[in-house]
C-alpha atoms as a PDB file:
ATOM      1  CA  UNK A   1      36.888 -17.776  16.136  1.00  0.00           C
ATOM      2  CA  UNK A   2      33.311 -17.346  14.921  1.00  0.00           C
ATOM      3  CA  UNK A   3      32.687 -16.081  11.408  1.00  0.00           C
ATOM      4  CA  UNK A   4      31.853 -12.402  11.062  1.00  0.00           C
ATOM      5  CA  UNK A   5      28.172 -11.787  10.384  1.00  0.00           C
ATOM      6  CA  UNK A   6      27.021  -9.104   8.015  1.00  0.00           C
ATOM      7  CA  UNK A   7      23.755  -7.504   6.983  1.00  0.00           C
ATOM      8  CA  UNK A   8      22.606  -7.967   3.408  1.00  0.00           C
ATOM      9  CA  UNK A   9      19.599  -6.808   1.433  1.00  0.00           C
ATOM     10  CA  UNK A  10      17.931  -8.330  -1.572  1.00  0.00           C
ATOM     11  CA  UNK A  11      15.088  -6.885  -3.620  1.00  0.00           C
ATOM     12  CA  UNK A  12      12.235  -8.542  -5.477  1.00  0.00           C
ATOM     13  CA  UNK A  13       9.551  -7.144  -7.795  1.00  0.00           C
ATOM     14  CA  UNK A  14       5.955  -8.433  -7.621  1.00  0.00           C
ATOM     15  CA  UNK A  15       2.919  -7.837  -9.792  1.00  0.00           C
ATOM     16  CA  UNK A  16       0.771  -8.604  -6.736  1.00  0.00           C
ATOM     17  CA  UNK A  17      -0.435  -5.720  -4.564  1.00  0.00           C
ATOM     18  CA  UNK A  18       1.357  -4.749  -1.323  1.00  0.00           C
ATOM     19  CA  UNK A  19      -1.660  -6.109   0.570  1.00  0.00           C
ATOM     20  CA  UNK A  20      -1.295  -9.556  -1.001  1.00  0.00           C
ATOM     21  CA  UNK A  21       2.486  -9.607  -0.451  1.00  0.00           C
ATOM     22  CA  UNK A  22       1.923  -8.609   3.198  1.00  0.00           C
ATOM     23  CA  UNK A  23      -0.650 -11.383   3.571  1.00  0.00           C
ATOM     24  CA  UNK A  24       1.868 -13.941   2.274  1.00  0.00           C
ATOM     25  CA  UNK A  25       4.344 -12.741   4.925  1.00  0.00           C
ATOM     26  CA  UNK A  26       1.924 -12.901   7.861  1.00  0.00           C
ATOM     27  CA  UNK A  27      -0.922 -15.395   7.358  1.00  0.00           C
ATOM     28  CA  UNK A  28      -0.154 -18.980   8.387  1.00  0.00           C
ATOM     29  CA  UNK A  29      -2.079 -20.450   5.428  1.00  0.00           C
ATOM     30  CA  UNK A  30       0.091 -18.354   3.085  1.00  0.00           C
ATOM     31  CA  UNK A  31       3.441 -18.818   4.863  1.00  0.00           C
ATOM     32  CA  UNK A  32       3.221 -22.602   4.509  1.00  0.00           C
ATOM     33  CA  UNK A  33       2.793 -22.197   0.747  1.00  0.00           C
ATOM     34  CA  UNK A  34       6.282 -20.730   0.286  1.00  0.00           C
ATOM     35  CA  UNK A  35       8.310 -20.259   3.497  1.00  0.00           C
ATOM     36  CA  UNK A  36       7.985 -23.160   5.933  1.00  0.00           C
ATOM     37  CA  UNK A  37       6.261 -26.492   6.483  1.00  0.00           C
ATOM     38  CA  UNK A  38       4.263 -25.274   9.487  1.00  0.00           C
ATOM     39  CA  UNK A  39       3.827 -22.069  11.474  1.00  0.00           C
ATOM     40  CA  UNK A  40       2.242 -21.425  14.848  1.00  0.00           C
ATOM     41  CA  UNK A  41       1.503 -17.841  15.852  1.00  0.00           C
ATOM     42  CA  UNK A  42       0.697 -16.817  19.429  1.00  0.00           C
ATOM     43  CA  UNK A  43       0.431 -13.042  19.807  1.00  0.00           C
ATOM     44  CA  UNK A  44       3.738 -11.754  18.389  1.00  0.00           C
ATOM     45  CA  UNK A  45       5.563 -15.097  18.772  1.00  0.00           C
ATOM     46  CA  UNK A  46       6.022 -17.146  15.601  1.00  0.00           C
ATOM     47  CA  UNK A  47       7.234 -20.744  15.577  1.00  0.00           C
ATOM     48  CA  UNK A  48       8.329 -21.800  12.101  1.00  0.00           C
ATOM     49  CA  UNK A  49       8.891 -25.483  11.336  1.00  0.00           C
ATOM     50  CA  UNK A  50      11.047 -26.923   8.542  1.00  0.00           C
ATOM     51  CA  UNK A  51      11.271 -30.724   8.286  1.00  0.00           C
ATOM     52  CA  UNK A  52      10.556 -31.152  12.009  1.00  0.00           C
ATOM     53  CA  UNK A  53      13.023 -28.429  13.110  1.00  0.00           C
ATOM     54  CA  UNK A  54      11.520 -25.416  14.905  1.00  0.00           C
ATOM     55  CA  UNK A  55      12.797 -21.848  14.932  1.00  0.00           C
ATOM     56  CA  UNK A  56      11.135 -19.135  16.977  1.00  0.00           C
ATOM     57  CA  UNK A  57      10.928 -15.460  16.148  1.00  0.00           C
ATOM     58  CA  UNK A  58       9.263 -12.451  17.714  1.00  0.00           C
ATOM     59  CA  UNK A  59       7.497  -9.949  15.500  1.00  0.00           C
ATOM     60  CA  UNK A  60       9.003  -6.685  16.797  1.00  0.00           C
ATOM     61  CA  UNK A  61       7.675  -4.295  14.135  1.00  0.00           C
ATOM     62  CA  UNK A  62       4.515  -4.532  12.071  1.00  0.00           C
ATOM     63  CA  UNK A  63       3.217  -1.784   9.811  1.00  0.00           C
ATOM     64  CA  UNK A  64       0.394  -3.275   7.757  1.00  0.00           C
ATOM     65  CA  UNK A  65       1.200  -3.574   4.033  1.00  0.00           C
ATOM     66  CA  UNK A  66       4.594  -1.850   4.591  1.00  0.00           C
ATOM     67  CA  UNK A  67       7.002  -3.456   7.047  1.00  0.00           C
ATOM     68  CA  UNK A  68       7.600  -6.558   9.151  1.00  0.00           C
ATOM     69  CA  UNK A  69      10.623  -7.094  11.367  1.00  0.00           C
ATOM     70  CA  UNK A  70      11.320 -10.350  13.174  1.00  0.00           C
ATOM     71  CA  UNK A  71      13.942 -11.085  15.782  1.00  0.00           C
ATOM     72  CA  UNK A  72      15.014 -14.724  15.851  1.00  0.00           C
ATOM     73  CA  UNK A  73      15.173 -16.335  19.303  1.00  0.00           C
ATOM     74  CA  UNK A  74      18.865 -17.237  18.909  1.00  0.00           C
ATOM     75  CA  UNK A  75      19.928 -14.129  16.948  1.00  0.00           C
ATOM     76  CA  UNK A  76      22.939 -12.064  17.847  1.00  0.00           C
ATOM     77  CA  UNK A  77      22.273  -8.565  19.227  1.00  0.00           C
ATOM     78  CA  UNK A  78      21.012  -6.110  16.580  1.00  0.00           C
ATOM     79  CA  UNK A  79      20.241  -8.880  14.063  1.00  0.00           C
ATOM     80  CA  UNK A  80      16.782  -9.261  12.559  1.00  0.00           C
ATOM     81  CA  UNK A  81      14.845 -10.358   9.498  1.00  0.00           C
ATOM     82  CA  UNK A  82      12.962  -7.522   7.818  1.00  0.00           C
ATOM     83  CA  UNK A  83      10.474  -7.394   4.973  1.00  0.00           C
ATOM     84  CA  UNK A  84       9.896  -3.904   3.573  1.00  0.00           C
ATOM     85  CA  UNK A  85       7.067  -3.447   1.055  1.00  0.00           C
ATOM     86  CA  UNK A  86       6.757  -0.415  -1.209  1.00  0.00           C
ATOM     87  CA  UNK A  87       5.045   0.365  -4.485  1.00  0.00           C
ATOM     88  CA  UNK A  88       6.924   1.833  -7.430  1.00  0.00           C
ATOM     89  CA  UNK A  89       5.326   5.166  -8.352  1.00  0.00           C
ATOM     90  CA  UNK A  90       6.423   4.682 -11.960  1.00  0.00           C
ATOM     91  CA  UNK A  91       5.607   1.038 -12.743  1.00  0.00           C
ATOM     92  CA  UNK A  92       3.006   0.384  -9.997  1.00  0.00           C
ATOM     93  CA  UNK A  93       4.879  -2.852  -9.189  1.00  0.00           C
ATOM     94  CA  UNK A  94       5.289  -3.949  -5.581  1.00  0.00           C
ATOM     95  CA  UNK A  95       8.875  -3.952  -4.324  1.00  0.00           C
ATOM     96  CA  UNK A  96       9.834  -6.322  -1.515  1.00  0.00           C
ATOM     97  CA  UNK A  97      13.196  -5.675   0.139  1.00  0.00           C
ATOM     98  CA  UNK A  98      14.460  -8.369   2.501  1.00  0.00           C
ATOM     99  CA  UNK A  99      17.097  -7.462   5.075  1.00  0.00           C
ATOM    100  CA  UNK A 100      18.811 -10.445   6.685  1.00  0.00           C
ATOM    101  CA  UNK A 101      22.114 -11.408   8.304  1.00  0.00           C
ATOM    102  CA  UNK A 102      24.577 -14.187   7.441  1.00  0.00           C
ATOM    103  CA  UNK A 103      28.167 -15.212   7.987  1.00  0.00           C
ATOM    104  CA  UNK A 104      30.360 -13.159   5.667  1.00  0.00           C
ATOM    105  CA  UNK A 105      31.248 -16.151   3.454  1.00  0.00           C
ATOM    106  CA  UNK A 106      27.673 -17.391   3.126  1.00  0.00           C
ATOM    107  CA  UNK A 107      25.908 -14.233   1.870  1.00  0.00           C
ATOM    108  CA  UNK A 108      25.750 -15.464  -1.766  1.00  0.00           C
ATOM    109  CA  UNK A 109      24.167 -18.740  -0.583  1.00  0.00           C
ATOM    110  CA  UNK A 110      21.719 -16.885   1.664  1.00  0.00           C
ATOM    111  CA  UNK A 111      20.698 -14.671  -1.268  1.00  0.00           C
ATOM    112  CA  UNK A 112      20.188 -17.758  -3.452  1.00  0.00           C
ATOM    113  CA  UNK A 113      17.980 -19.304  -0.777  1.00  0.00           C
ATOM    114  CA  UNK A 114      15.856 -16.136  -0.648  1.00  0.00           C
ATOM    115  CA  UNK A 115      15.657 -16.096  -4.466  1.00  0.00           C
ATOM    116  CA  UNK A 116      14.369 -19.676  -4.410  1.00  0.00           C
ATOM    117  CA  UNK A 117      11.852 -18.988  -1.632  1.00  0.00           C
ATOM    118  CA  UNK A 118      10.591 -15.777  -3.250  1.00  0.00           C
ATOM    119  CA  UNK A 119      10.280 -17.499  -6.630  1.00  0.00           C
ATOM    120  CA  UNK A 120       7.832 -19.893  -4.928  1.00  0.00           C
ATOM    121  CA  UNK A 121       6.038 -16.959  -3.288  1.00  0.00           C
ATOM    122  CA  UNK A 122       5.716 -15.241  -6.683  1.00  0.00           C
ATOM    123  CA  UNK A 123       4.183 -18.404  -8.132  1.00  0.00           C
ATOM    124  CA  UNK A 124       1.677 -18.501  -5.263  1.00  0.00           C
ATOM    125  CA  UNK A 125       0.782 -14.782  -5.552  1.00  0.00           C
ATOM    126  CA  UNK A 126       0.494 -14.819  -9.323  1.00  0.00           C
ATOM    127  CA  UNK A 127       3.697 -12.896  -9.881  1.00  0.00           C
END
């Protein structure tokens, strides 16, 4: 029997503006600096490459500087990868919330992977 998949969210604080964070989530030249080795974008179709392995995703929601939602080509129904960008009214910091899905036993590992990836993104964006 297949492992049960669950949604999880993880939140990150940036000193960079929402516009810069959004750029690092959408521009090929920025994505290769923290997320993948290569990316090819054709309309709303993204092909991400890691060590020669391709994964395709469709950008199904895009609100500039606020929200991106991708649906992976091989995802189960109702699964997606979402980046939500807001700005704290108190601290003026940018808040990035990632919503993703993983097998129930692998959520801690998936969160660690996002922490590692976002740490690289923070280095690239200046915090």
